[in-house]
Protein backbone atom coordinates (compact mmCIF):
# COMPACT_ATOMS: atom_id res chain seq x y z
CA MET A 1 -4.10 -30.22 -45.72
CA GLN A 2 -1.12 -29.71 -43.47
CA LEU A 3 -2.98 -26.88 -41.99
CA LYS A 4 -5.91 -28.48 -41.56
CA ALA A 5 -4.16 -31.34 -39.80
CA LEU A 6 -2.65 -28.75 -37.87
CA LEU A 7 -6.22 -26.93 -36.82
CA LEU A 8 -7.08 -30.46 -36.68
CA SER A 9 -4.85 -31.12 -33.79
CA LEU A 10 -4.66 -27.76 -31.82
CA ALA A 11 -8.38 -27.97 -31.09
CA ALA A 12 -8.04 -31.83 -30.01
CA LEU A 13 -5.37 -29.95 -26.87
CA PRO A 14 -7.30 -29.30 -24.07
CA LEU A 15 -8.37 -25.07 -23.14
CA ALA A 16 -5.58 -23.79 -20.60
CA LYS A 17 -7.66 -22.48 -17.34
CA ALA A 18 -9.18 -19.00 -17.55
CA GLU A 19 -7.51 -17.52 -14.23
CA THR A 20 -10.14 -15.72 -12.09
CA VAL A 21 -8.98 -12.66 -9.80
CA LEU A 22 -10.45 -13.65 -5.43
CA GLY A 23 -9.47 -10.58 -4.45
CA VAL A 24 -6.64 -7.39 -4.73
CA TYR A 25 -5.12 -4.87 -2.26
CA ILE A 26 -4.16 -1.71 -3.62
CA PHE A 27 -2.27 0.92 -1.53
CA HIS A 28 -2.34 4.13 -3.48
CA ARG A 29 -1.14 7.82 -3.33
CA HIS A 30 -2.60 10.81 -3.50
CA GLY A 31 -2.69 13.27 -6.13
CA ASP A 32 -1.46 16.61 -6.98
CA ARG A 33 -1.46 19.42 -3.93
CA THR A 34 -0.39 22.28 -2.09
CA PRO A 35 3.29 22.16 -1.58
CA LYS A 36 4.01 21.31 1.94
CA SER A 37 6.02 24.40 2.33
CA LEU A 38 2.99 26.64 2.56
CA PRO A 39 0.60 25.32 4.80
CA PRO A 40 -2.95 24.11 5.06
CA VAL A 41 -1.94 21.59 1.81
CA ASN A 42 -4.81 20.93 -0.21
CA LEU A 43 -5.57 18.62 -2.90
CA THR A 44 -6.07 20.36 -6.29
CA ALA A 45 -8.41 19.89 -8.73
CA LEU A 46 -5.69 18.44 -10.87
CA GLY A 47 -4.88 15.82 -7.85
CA ALA A 48 -8.66 15.25 -7.75
CA ASP A 49 -9.00 14.77 -11.28
CA GLN A 50 -5.69 11.70 -10.93
CA VAL A 51 -7.04 10.02 -8.48
CA PHE A 52 -11.00 9.88 -9.87
CA GLN A 53 -9.28 8.58 -13.28
CA SER A 54 -6.67 6.13 -11.62
CA GLY A 55 -9.76 4.71 -9.85
CA THR A 56 -11.88 4.87 -13.36
CA TYR A 57 -8.95 2.34 -14.27
CA TYR A 58 -9.15 -0.15 -11.44
CA ARG A 59 -12.98 -0.48 -12.16
CA ASN A 60 -12.61 -1.19 -16.17
CA ARG A 61 -9.82 -3.42 -15.04
CA TYR A 62 -11.86 -5.38 -11.55
CA VAL A 63 -15.24 -4.10 -10.48
CA ALA A 64 -17.18 -2.82 -14.49
CA SER A 65 -19.54 -6.22 -16.11
CA ASP A 66 -17.35 -6.34 -18.76
CA ALA A 67 -13.63 -5.73 -16.89
CA SER A 68 -10.61 -7.02 -17.84
CA SER A 69 -9.55 -8.93 -14.89
CA PRO A 70 -13.51 -9.24 -13.25
CA ILE A 71 -12.97 -9.96 -9.29
CA ALA A 72 -15.60 -13.02 -8.51
CA GLY A 73 -18.31 -12.47 -6.87
CA LEU A 74 -18.23 -8.54 -6.79
CA SER A 75 -21.45 -6.21 -7.73
CA ASN A 76 -20.38 -4.34 -10.67
CA ASP A 77 -22.70 -1.49 -10.46
CA ILE A 78 -24.27 -0.53 -6.90
CA ALA A 79 -21.46 -0.55 -4.29
CA VAL A 80 -22.08 -3.25 -1.25
CA PRO A 81 -19.95 -1.68 1.16
CA THR A 82 -19.18 -5.10 2.87
CA GLN A 83 -17.50 -6.31 -0.69
CA LEU A 84 -14.75 -3.49 0.56
CA SER A 85 -12.24 -2.16 2.87
CA VAL A 86 -11.03 1.36 2.39
CA THR A 87 -9.18 2.98 4.61
CA SER A 88 -6.89 6.07 5.48
CA PRO A 89 -5.11 8.24 8.39
CA ALA A 90 -6.72 11.50 9.27
CA ASP A 91 -4.89 13.19 6.73
CA SER A 92 -7.26 16.18 4.59
CA VAL A 93 -5.29 15.36 1.12
CA LEU A 94 -5.41 11.72 1.57
CA GLN A 95 -9.10 11.47 2.56
CA SER A 96 -10.01 14.06 -0.39
CA SER A 97 -7.78 11.17 -2.31
CA SER A 98 -9.72 8.87 -1.17
CA LEU A 99 -12.99 10.09 -2.24
CA ALA A 100 -12.45 11.07 -5.36
CA PHE A 101 -10.91 7.36 -6.17
CA LEU A 102 -13.49 6.42 -5.54
CA GLN A 103 -16.17 8.30 -7.08
CA GLY A 104 -14.43 6.83 -10.30
CA LEU A 105 -14.33 2.83 -8.71
CA TYR A 106 -17.99 2.98 -8.52
CA PRO A 107 -19.93 5.94 -10.10
CA PRO A 108 -22.44 7.27 -9.31
CA ALA A 109 -25.95 4.56 -10.16
CA GLY A 110 -28.32 7.02 -11.72
CA SER A 111 -31.73 5.07 -12.38
CA ASN A 112 -30.38 2.31 -10.17
CA SER A 113 -30.05 4.21 -7.29
CA VAL A 114 -34.23 5.20 -7.74
CA SER A 115 -37.02 4.07 -5.04
CA VAL A 116 -40.54 3.28 -5.85
CA LEU A 117 -42.12 4.40 -2.77
CA ALA A 118 -45.66 2.83 -1.34
CA ASN A 119 -47.28 6.38 -3.25
CA SER A 120 -45.76 5.27 -6.26
CA SER A 121 -44.04 8.19 -6.41
CA ARG A 122 -39.96 7.89 -7.45
CA VAL A 123 -37.13 9.76 -5.77
CA GLU A 124 -33.52 9.32 -6.66
CA ALA A 125 -30.57 9.79 -4.72
CA PRO A 126 -28.54 13.34 -4.11
CA LEU A 127 -25.94 13.91 -6.94
CA GLY A 128 -27.26 11.09 -9.54
CA GLY A 129 -27.29 8.33 -7.17
CA TYR A 130 -23.22 9.48 -5.80
CA GLN A 131 -22.86 5.98 -4.11
CA TYR A 132 -21.12 6.53 -0.32
CA ILE A 133 -18.70 3.98 0.52
CA PRO A 134 -16.83 4.64 3.53
CA VAL A 135 -13.13 5.37 3.75
CA THR A 136 -12.14 4.75 7.66
CA THR A 137 -10.03 7.13 9.26
CA SER A 138 -7.80 4.75 10.54
CA SER A 139 -5.01 4.90 13.55
CA THR A 140 -2.98 1.39 12.31
CA ALA A 141 -2.95 3.14 9.26
CA SER A 142 0.87 2.47 7.93
CA THR A 143 0.68 6.49 6.41
CA SER A 144 1.00 8.71 10.09
CA ALA A 145 -2.03 11.12 11.33
CA ASP A 146 -1.33 14.44 9.10
CA ALA A 147 1.47 13.29 6.94
CA GLU A 148 0.57 16.46 4.15
CA SER A 149 1.52 18.54 7.10
CA SER A 150 4.92 16.95 8.61
CA GLU A 151 8.47 17.97 6.36
CA TRP A 152 10.04 14.91 7.79
CA LEU A 153 10.02 11.12 7.53
CA GLN A 154 9.93 9.62 11.07
CA GLY A 155 8.67 12.88 12.65
CA GLY A 156 5.40 11.16 12.99
CA SER A 157 6.44 7.62 12.89
CA GLY A 158 6.33 7.52 17.27
CA CYS A 159 9.10 4.60 16.38
CA GLY A 160 11.78 5.50 18.48
CA ASN A 161 14.51 3.20 16.50
CA ALA A 162 13.10 4.35 13.12
CA VAL A 163 13.38 7.73 14.70
CA VAL A 164 17.20 6.97 15.39
CA SER A 165 18.36 4.57 11.83
CA SER A 166 16.67 7.38 10.05
CA ASN A 167 19.35 10.20 12.13
CA ASN A 168 21.78 7.90 12.02
CA TYR A 169 22.35 8.46 8.05
CA LEU A 170 21.76 12.30 8.44
CA LEU A 171 25.47 11.70 10.31
CA SER A 172 26.66 9.44 8.12
CA SER A 173 29.14 10.36 5.59
CA GLU A 174 27.67 9.89 2.12
CA TYR A 175 25.50 12.13 3.75
CA LEU A 176 27.85 15.05 4.74
CA THR A 177 29.70 14.09 1.47
CA THR A 178 26.51 15.04 -0.27
CA LEU A 179 25.60 17.99 1.62
CA ASN A 180 28.71 19.44 1.41
CA GLN A 181 29.54 18.96 -2.77
CA THR A 182 26.00 20.73 -3.39
CA LYS A 183 25.87 23.82 -1.48
CA SER A 184 26.64 26.06 -4.13
CA PHE A 185 23.87 23.92 -6.76
CA TYR A 186 20.90 24.78 -3.69
CA SER A 187 22.76 28.51 -3.03
CA SER A 188 21.51 28.48 -7.05
CA LEU A 189 18.10 28.22 -6.78
CA LEU A 190 17.74 31.05 -4.63
CA PRO A 191 16.21 33.37 -6.82
CA VAL A 192 13.63 30.88 -7.21
CA ILE A 193 12.85 29.75 -3.67
CA ASN A 194 13.50 32.63 -1.52
CA GLY A 195 10.08 33.30 -0.98
CA VAL A 196 9.49 30.54 1.41
CA PHE A 197 13.66 29.19 1.90
CA GLY A 198 16.08 31.15 2.97
CA ALA A 199 19.93 31.19 2.30
CA SER A 200 20.31 28.92 5.35
CA GLN A 201 17.82 26.49 4.51
CA ALA A 202 18.61 26.34 0.69
CA THR A 203 20.63 22.91 1.50
CA PHE A 204 20.32 19.30 0.57
CA LYS A 205 18.85 18.66 4.20
CA ASN A 206 16.24 20.24 2.77
CA ALA A 207 15.92 18.78 -0.88
CA TYR A 208 12.36 17.30 -0.72
CA SER A 209 11.26 20.31 0.97
CA ILE A 210 12.31 22.30 -1.95
CA PHE A 211 11.76 20.02 -4.14
CA ASP A 212 8.19 19.70 -3.80
CA TYR A 213 7.99 22.97 -3.54
CA VAL A 214 9.32 23.55 -6.94
CA ASN A 215 7.68 20.59 -8.22
CA VAL A 216 4.13 22.29 -8.01
CA GLY A 217 5.55 25.38 -9.48
CA VAL A 218 6.58 23.32 -12.57
CA ILE A 219 3.03 22.15 -12.58
CA HIS A 220 1.10 24.90 -11.69
CA ASN A 221 2.79 28.39 -12.73
CA LYS A 222 4.77 29.44 -16.37
CA THR A 223 8.96 29.94 -15.11
CA ASP A 224 11.99 30.98 -16.90
CA LEU A 225 14.20 30.65 -14.23
CA LEU A 226 14.36 26.54 -14.22
CA THR A 227 16.33 24.45 -16.61
CA SER A 228 15.02 20.49 -17.09
CA ASP A 229 18.38 20.07 -16.36
CA THR A 230 18.24 21.73 -13.13
CA PHE A 231 14.57 20.09 -12.05
CA LYS A 232 15.85 16.63 -13.17
CA GLU A 233 18.82 17.39 -10.67
CA LEU A 234 16.65 18.70 -7.70
CA LYS A 235 14.58 15.34 -8.52
CA THR A 236 17.96 13.92 -8.14
CA LEU A 237 18.85 14.87 -4.74
CA ALA A 238 15.30 14.44 -3.25
CA ASP A 239 14.93 11.16 -4.41
CA ASN A 240 18.93 10.44 -2.85
CA HIS A 241 17.49 12.10 0.28
CA GLU A 242 14.10 10.40 1.08
CA TRP A 243 15.20 6.88 -0.18
CA ASN A 244 18.33 6.79 2.60
CA LEU A 245 15.80 8.02 5.09
CA ALA A 246 13.25 5.50 4.30
CA TYR A 247 15.50 2.05 4.19
CA ASN A 248 18.70 0.89 5.15
CA GLU A 249 19.65 -2.94 4.12
CA SER A 250 21.47 -3.34 7.37
CA ASP A 251 19.10 -1.41 9.31
CA THR A 252 15.69 -2.77 7.77
CA ILE A 253 13.84 -0.45 10.95
CA ARG A 254 13.97 2.07 9.68
CA ALA A 255 11.66 0.76 6.99
CA ILE A 256 9.08 0.75 10.15
CA ALA A 257 6.08 2.25 7.23
CA GLY A 258 6.69 -0.31 4.86
CA ALA A 259 6.79 -3.79 7.55
CA THR A 260 3.82 -1.97 8.81
CA LEU A 261 1.98 -2.00 5.46
CA ALA A 262 3.34 -5.30 4.11
CA ALA A 263 1.15 -6.93 7.49
CA GLN A 264 -1.61 -4.60 6.66
CA ILE A 265 -1.16 -6.61 3.45
CA VAL A 266 -1.28 -10.05 4.38
CA GLN A 267 -4.34 -9.46 6.68
CA GLN A 268 -6.38 -8.37 4.14
CA LEU A 269 -5.60 -10.65 1.41
CA ASN A 270 -6.07 -13.46 4.33
CA SER A 271 -8.78 -12.14 5.52
CA THR A 272 -10.62 -12.45 1.49
CA LEU A 273 -9.56 -15.93 1.36
CA THR A 274 -11.28 -16.93 5.02
CA SER A 275 -14.01 -15.68 4.34
CA ARG A 276 -14.77 -17.01 1.09
CA GLY A 277 -14.48 -13.66 -0.95
CA LYS A 278 -16.97 -11.81 1.69
CA THR A 279 -14.48 -8.60 1.33
CA PRO A 280 -12.33 -9.07 -1.84
CA ILE A 281 -11.08 -5.16 -2.32
CA GLY A 282 -8.53 -3.54 0.10
CA ILE A 283 -7.85 0.27 -0.35
CA GLN A 284 -5.41 2.63 1.45
CA PHE A 285 -4.68 5.73 0.70
CA GLY A 286 -0.79 6.70 2.20
CA ALA A 287 2.19 8.78 1.62
CA TYR A 288 5.12 8.09 -0.99
CA ALA A 289 7.80 7.03 1.57
CA SER A 290 5.91 3.95 2.89
CA PHE A 291 6.32 3.43 -0.72
CA MET A 292 9.73 3.83 -0.39
CA SER A 293 10.40 1.49 2.26
CA PHE A 294 7.96 -1.11 1.31
CA PHE A 295 10.18 -1.85 -1.87
CA GLY A 296 13.62 -1.68 0.01
CA LEU A 297 11.86 -4.63 2.06
CA ALA A 298 10.66 -6.19 -0.96
CA GLN A 299 14.17 -6.10 -2.95
CA LEU A 300 12.27 -4.04 -5.60
CA GLN A 301 15.55 -2.04 -6.21
CA LYS A 302 17.37 -4.81 -7.05
CA VAL A 303 14.73 -5.26 -10.29
CA SER A 304 14.89 -1.55 -11.19
CA ALA A 305 16.52 1.72 -9.95
CA ASP A 306 13.23 3.65 -10.71
CA PHE A 307 12.14 1.90 -7.45
CA THR A 308 14.37 3.79 -5.59
CA GLY A 309 12.95 7.10 -6.38
CA VAL A 310 9.82 9.36 -5.01
CA VAL A 311 6.54 7.89 -6.85
CA ASP A 312 4.77 10.52 -8.69
CA TYR A 313 1.11 11.86 -7.56
CA ALA A 314 -1.66 9.46 -7.52
CA SER A 315 0.76 6.02 -8.16
CA SER A 316 -0.72 3.10 -6.97
CA ILE A 317 0.58 -0.41 -6.51
CA VAL A 318 -1.62 -3.59 -6.40
CA PHE A 319 -1.37 -7.26 -5.10
CA GLU A 320 -3.70 -9.41 -7.15
CA LEU A 321 -5.03 -13.07 -5.51
CA VAL A 322 -5.61 -15.09 -8.23
CA THR A 323 -6.50 -18.99 -9.06
CA ASN A 324 -6.91 -21.36 -11.66
CA ALA A 325 -8.98 -22.85 -10.13
CA SER A 326 -11.91 -24.68 -12.46
CA SER A 327 -14.98 -22.76 -10.57
CA VAL A 328 -14.69 -20.00 -8.09
CA SER A 329 -17.62 -19.64 -5.34
CA GLY A 330 -18.63 -19.48 -1.81
CA SER A 331 -19.23 -23.31 -1.89
CA SER A 332 -16.90 -23.78 -4.36
CA TYR A 333 -12.92 -21.70 -3.06
CA PRO A 334 -10.23 -23.05 -4.31
CA SER A 335 -7.24 -24.47 -1.59
CA LEU A 336 -4.31 -22.74 -0.63
CA ASP A 337 -1.92 -24.76 -3.26
CA GLN A 338 -4.34 -23.08 -6.20
CA VAL A 339 -3.80 -19.43 -5.02
CA SER A 340 -1.19 -16.75 -6.42
CA VAL A 341 -0.45 -13.57 -5.85
CA ARG A 342 1.28 -11.13 -8.29
CA PHE A 343 2.39 -7.61 -7.52
CA LEU A 344 1.81 -4.56 -9.86
CA ALA A 345 3.29 -0.73 -9.49
CA SER A 346 2.16 2.47 -11.68
CA ASN A 347 4.18 5.54 -11.17
CA GLY A 348 1.51 8.09 -11.81
CA SER A 349 -2.18 7.44 -12.22
CA ALA A 350 -3.13 4.04 -12.95
CA ALA A 351 -5.24 5.51 -16.62
CA GLN A 352 -2.15 7.05 -17.91
CA HIS A 353 0.51 4.82 -16.51
CA PRO A 354 -1.22 1.54 -16.88
CA PRO A 355 0.29 -1.19 -13.64
CA ALA A 356 3.32 -3.12 -14.94
CA ALA A 357 4.11 -6.76 -12.73
CA TYR A 358 7.22 -6.76 -11.23
CA PRO A 359 8.96 -9.64 -9.48
CA LEU A 360 9.37 -9.24 -5.35
CA PHE A 361 11.30 -10.62 -2.78
CA GLY A 362 14.46 -11.57 -5.80
CA GLN A 363 12.37 -14.18 -6.89
CA SER A 364 12.19 -14.55 -11.16
CA GLU A 365 8.67 -14.88 -11.41
CA THR A 366 6.08 -12.27 -10.75
CA LEU A 367 3.61 -14.77 -9.87
CA LEU A 368 3.86 -16.46 -6.50
CA PRO A 369 2.18 -19.13 -5.05
CA TRP A 370 0.02 -18.22 -1.52
CA ASN A 371 1.93 -19.91 0.87
CA THR A 372 5.48 -18.41 -0.91
CA PHE A 373 4.03 -14.67 -0.80
CA ALA A 374 2.87 -15.41 2.66
CA ALA A 375 6.20 -16.31 4.22
CA GLU A 376 8.67 -13.76 2.25
CA MET A 377 6.31 -11.17 3.04
CA GLY A 378 6.18 -12.59 7.14
CA LYS A 379 10.14 -11.80 7.07
CA PHE A 380 9.55 -8.77 7.78
CA ALA A 381 5.70 -7.50 8.38
CA VAL A 382 5.03 -6.27 11.54
CA GLY A 383 1.09 -6.61 12.29
CA ASP A 384 0.44 -5.90 16.55
CA THR A 385 1.34 -3.99 19.14
CA ALA A 386 3.56 -6.29 21.03
CA SER A 387 5.41 -6.55 17.26
CA TRP A 388 5.80 -2.96 17.23
CA CYS A 389 7.25 -2.35 20.32
CA GLN A 390 9.91 -4.52 20.44
CA ALA A 391 11.52 -3.46 17.27
CA CYS A 392 11.01 0.15 17.84
CA GLY A 393 12.11 -0.38 21.17
CA ASN A 394 9.44 1.92 22.96
CA THR A 395 8.32 1.05 26.47
CA THR A 396 5.75 4.01 27.15
CA GLY A 397 2.78 4.67 26.18
CA VAL A 398 0.15 1.45 24.76
CA CYS A 399 3.88 0.16 24.46
CA ALA A 400 3.38 -0.16 28.40
CA ALA A 401 1.13 -3.28 28.55
CA ALA A 402 2.81 -4.58 25.49
CA SER A 403 5.94 -4.76 27.06
CA SER A 404 5.19 -7.63 29.14
CA SER A 405 4.16 -9.97 26.25
CA THR A 406 6.41 -11.77 24.09
CA PRO A 407 5.54 -11.67 20.36
CA SER A 408 5.02 -15.13 18.16
CA THR A 409 8.00 -15.66 15.84
CA THR A 410 8.35 -18.91 13.28
CA ASN A 411 11.29 -17.71 11.04
CA GLY A 412 13.97 -18.68 13.44
CA ASP A 413 15.57 -15.26 14.08
CA SER A 414 16.57 -13.73 17.42
CA SER A 415 14.70 -10.56 17.19
CA ASP A 416 16.45 -9.21 20.40
CA GLY A 417 19.94 -9.05 19.09
CA GLY A 418 18.31 -6.52 16.52
CA ALA A 419 16.07 -4.49 18.06
CA THR A 420 18.32 -1.50 18.59
CA ALA A 421 18.58 0.87 14.83
CA THR A 422 22.34 1.70 16.21
CA SER A 423 23.30 -1.72 16.05
CA GLY A 424 24.53 -2.42 12.78
CA ASN A 425 22.85 -5.61 13.03
CA GLY A 426 20.13 -6.82 9.91
CA LEU A 427 16.86 -6.08 11.59
CA SER A 428 14.80 -8.96 11.37
CA LEU A 429 11.58 -7.79 12.13
CA PRO A 430 9.66 -9.88 14.64
CA VAL A 431 6.09 -11.18 13.00
CA ALA A 432 6.85 -14.23 10.72
CA GLY A 433 4.55 -15.74 13.43
CA VAL A 434 1.33 -13.10 12.79
CA ILE A 435 1.35 -14.46 9.50
CA GLY A 436 2.42 -17.98 9.89
CA ALA A 437 -0.15 -18.01 12.30
CA LEU A 438 -2.84 -15.98 9.47
CA VAL A 439 -1.95 -18.85 6.91
CA THR A 440 -2.45 -21.41 9.09
CA LEU A 441 -5.83 -20.35 10.25
CA VAL A 442 -6.83 -21.15 6.46
CA VAL A 443 -5.83 -24.36 6.30
CA ILE A 444 -7.58 -25.23 10.22
CA LEU A 445 -11.16 -23.84 8.51
CA GLY A 446 -10.54 -25.43 5.69
CA VAL A 447 -10.02 -28.72 7.45
CA GLU A 448 -13.00 -28.15 9.91
CA GLY A 449 -15.44 -27.36 7.07
CA LEU A 450 -14.87 -31.13 5.61
CA VAL A 451 -14.31 -32.63 9.42
CA TYR A 452 -18.08 -31.03 9.88
CA ALA A 453 -19.43 -31.70 6.56
CA LEU A 454 -18.70 -35.37 6.72
CA ALA A 455 -20.00 -35.77 10.45
CA GLY A 456 -23.11 -34.06 9.37
CA LEU A 457 -22.63 -31.69 12.48
CA LYS A 458 -23.67 -27.95 11.61
CA LEU A 459 -20.84 -25.60 11.15
CA VAL A 460 -21.57 -22.18 13.23
CA LYS A 461 -19.85 -18.90 12.43
CA LYS A 462 -17.44 -17.73 15.61
CA SER A 463 -17.04 -14.18 16.08
CA THR A 464 -13.60 -14.88 17.98
CA LEU A 465 -12.45 -16.91 14.11
CA ALA A 466 -13.29 -13.77 12.40
CA ALA A 467 -12.03 -11.63 14.59
CA GLY A 468 -8.61 -13.28 14.93
CA ALA A 469 -8.66 -13.51 10.55
CA GLY A 470 -9.28 -10.29 10.06
CA THR A 471 -7.50 -8.02 12.47
CA GLY A 472 -5.35 -5.21 11.64
CA ALA A 473 -2.05 -3.88 12.92
CA ALA A 474 -3.15 -2.67 16.14
CA GLY A 475 -2.39 -0.07 18.46
CA GLY A 476 1.56 0.45 17.29
CA ALA A 477 1.05 -0.26 14.08
CA GLY A 478 -0.52 2.93 13.99
CA ALA A 479 2.85 4.54 14.59
CA ALA A 480 4.82 4.58 11.39
CA GLY A 481 3.68 7.74 10.18
CA SER A 482 6.13 8.53 7.04
CA LYS A 483 6.14 11.82 4.66
CA ALA A 484 3.32 11.82 1.96
């Protein structure tokens, strides 16, 4: 009887509202590739399969008709190009990876791709109904063009202060101490690497390039010349080298790639909100250094030391825009205070390593209110040319025109004192005003719609509003290049 009474009492409780995913932003690394020290660098069959399997995982999570966390209003089987924003820098490995990923996200449509002509004949699209999803070659991506051909973190960034900041690490006592202490270790590797690296190059200075070369060899070739302990030490040293080039807590301009990525994430998620879900998926393929830079800015290294290492091939991070609102549609969309953001990360292909949720910005919760998330990202995001030029200290090229304008700020900090990387002060990257404007726009549009409805007026979409809501990180943001 007691059990029956308990069941009846539980049945009387109100049901918890199911969570709805409004949209996602996925930042993804390429799959396995040939070593950077042996150009041209190409995506391997293994690499293509890694990102394809990752795309299949995200299909099963967000896209398929039986998805575990379906995105509201998203087409299940036939890709609608306007529902996806996919970008990649002009790099063959990253571009190829994005195409393989999309094959998993939206596989060939098969019978759904058949057209019946006027004469009753049937025509199926090529390759079993292969779906042609556009991948934008973006000059404003957080990774520079031809990143896979570059072995230097800030070399392609074009950000003057970031280059100076990274060079400061190479002059630091920490770096020089490690350089001297590891000379014998790297010299001992010459039997393995001497076909590519000479004795003068076998040093901690080339920690990542050497690891990259050896790592590809370990994956694709059998060798008895390398022990597991030696390989682990190689990886640890490469991680240390790259982390210090990608991020420094007291000189955050070094993390310009992560700052640019942060702005792009918020801009895409905000566009999903302002458009009421018209483009709910944003995907960008980019470099491992952008991951590391963002991890540092978002304080993820305080959550786990794993975030200070180079992410594996086909790794991804995801930002889920979610709500517990009772209904979601174009005519019934949640208000800002009903929207939250969840961050997830997968080290390696998501198919083998499902993404796990982690707290951002030193918070304790993994689910943050939208306004909190946008405000925290706004503390370091760089999303427009004027802000990028000021933070980087650049005055020529695209920055010549931007130098006459002053980027907006709303975080109360002066950015002037921190624009020089060698100042030793923490740089408050000047774009909080951009993020604040985007958040405000959501509120304005909601209020505007209400006023129009009460007044009985017809609401007409203006291209200027759409452009304001969806503007990407233009001009300078494209110079936030990094390694891949």
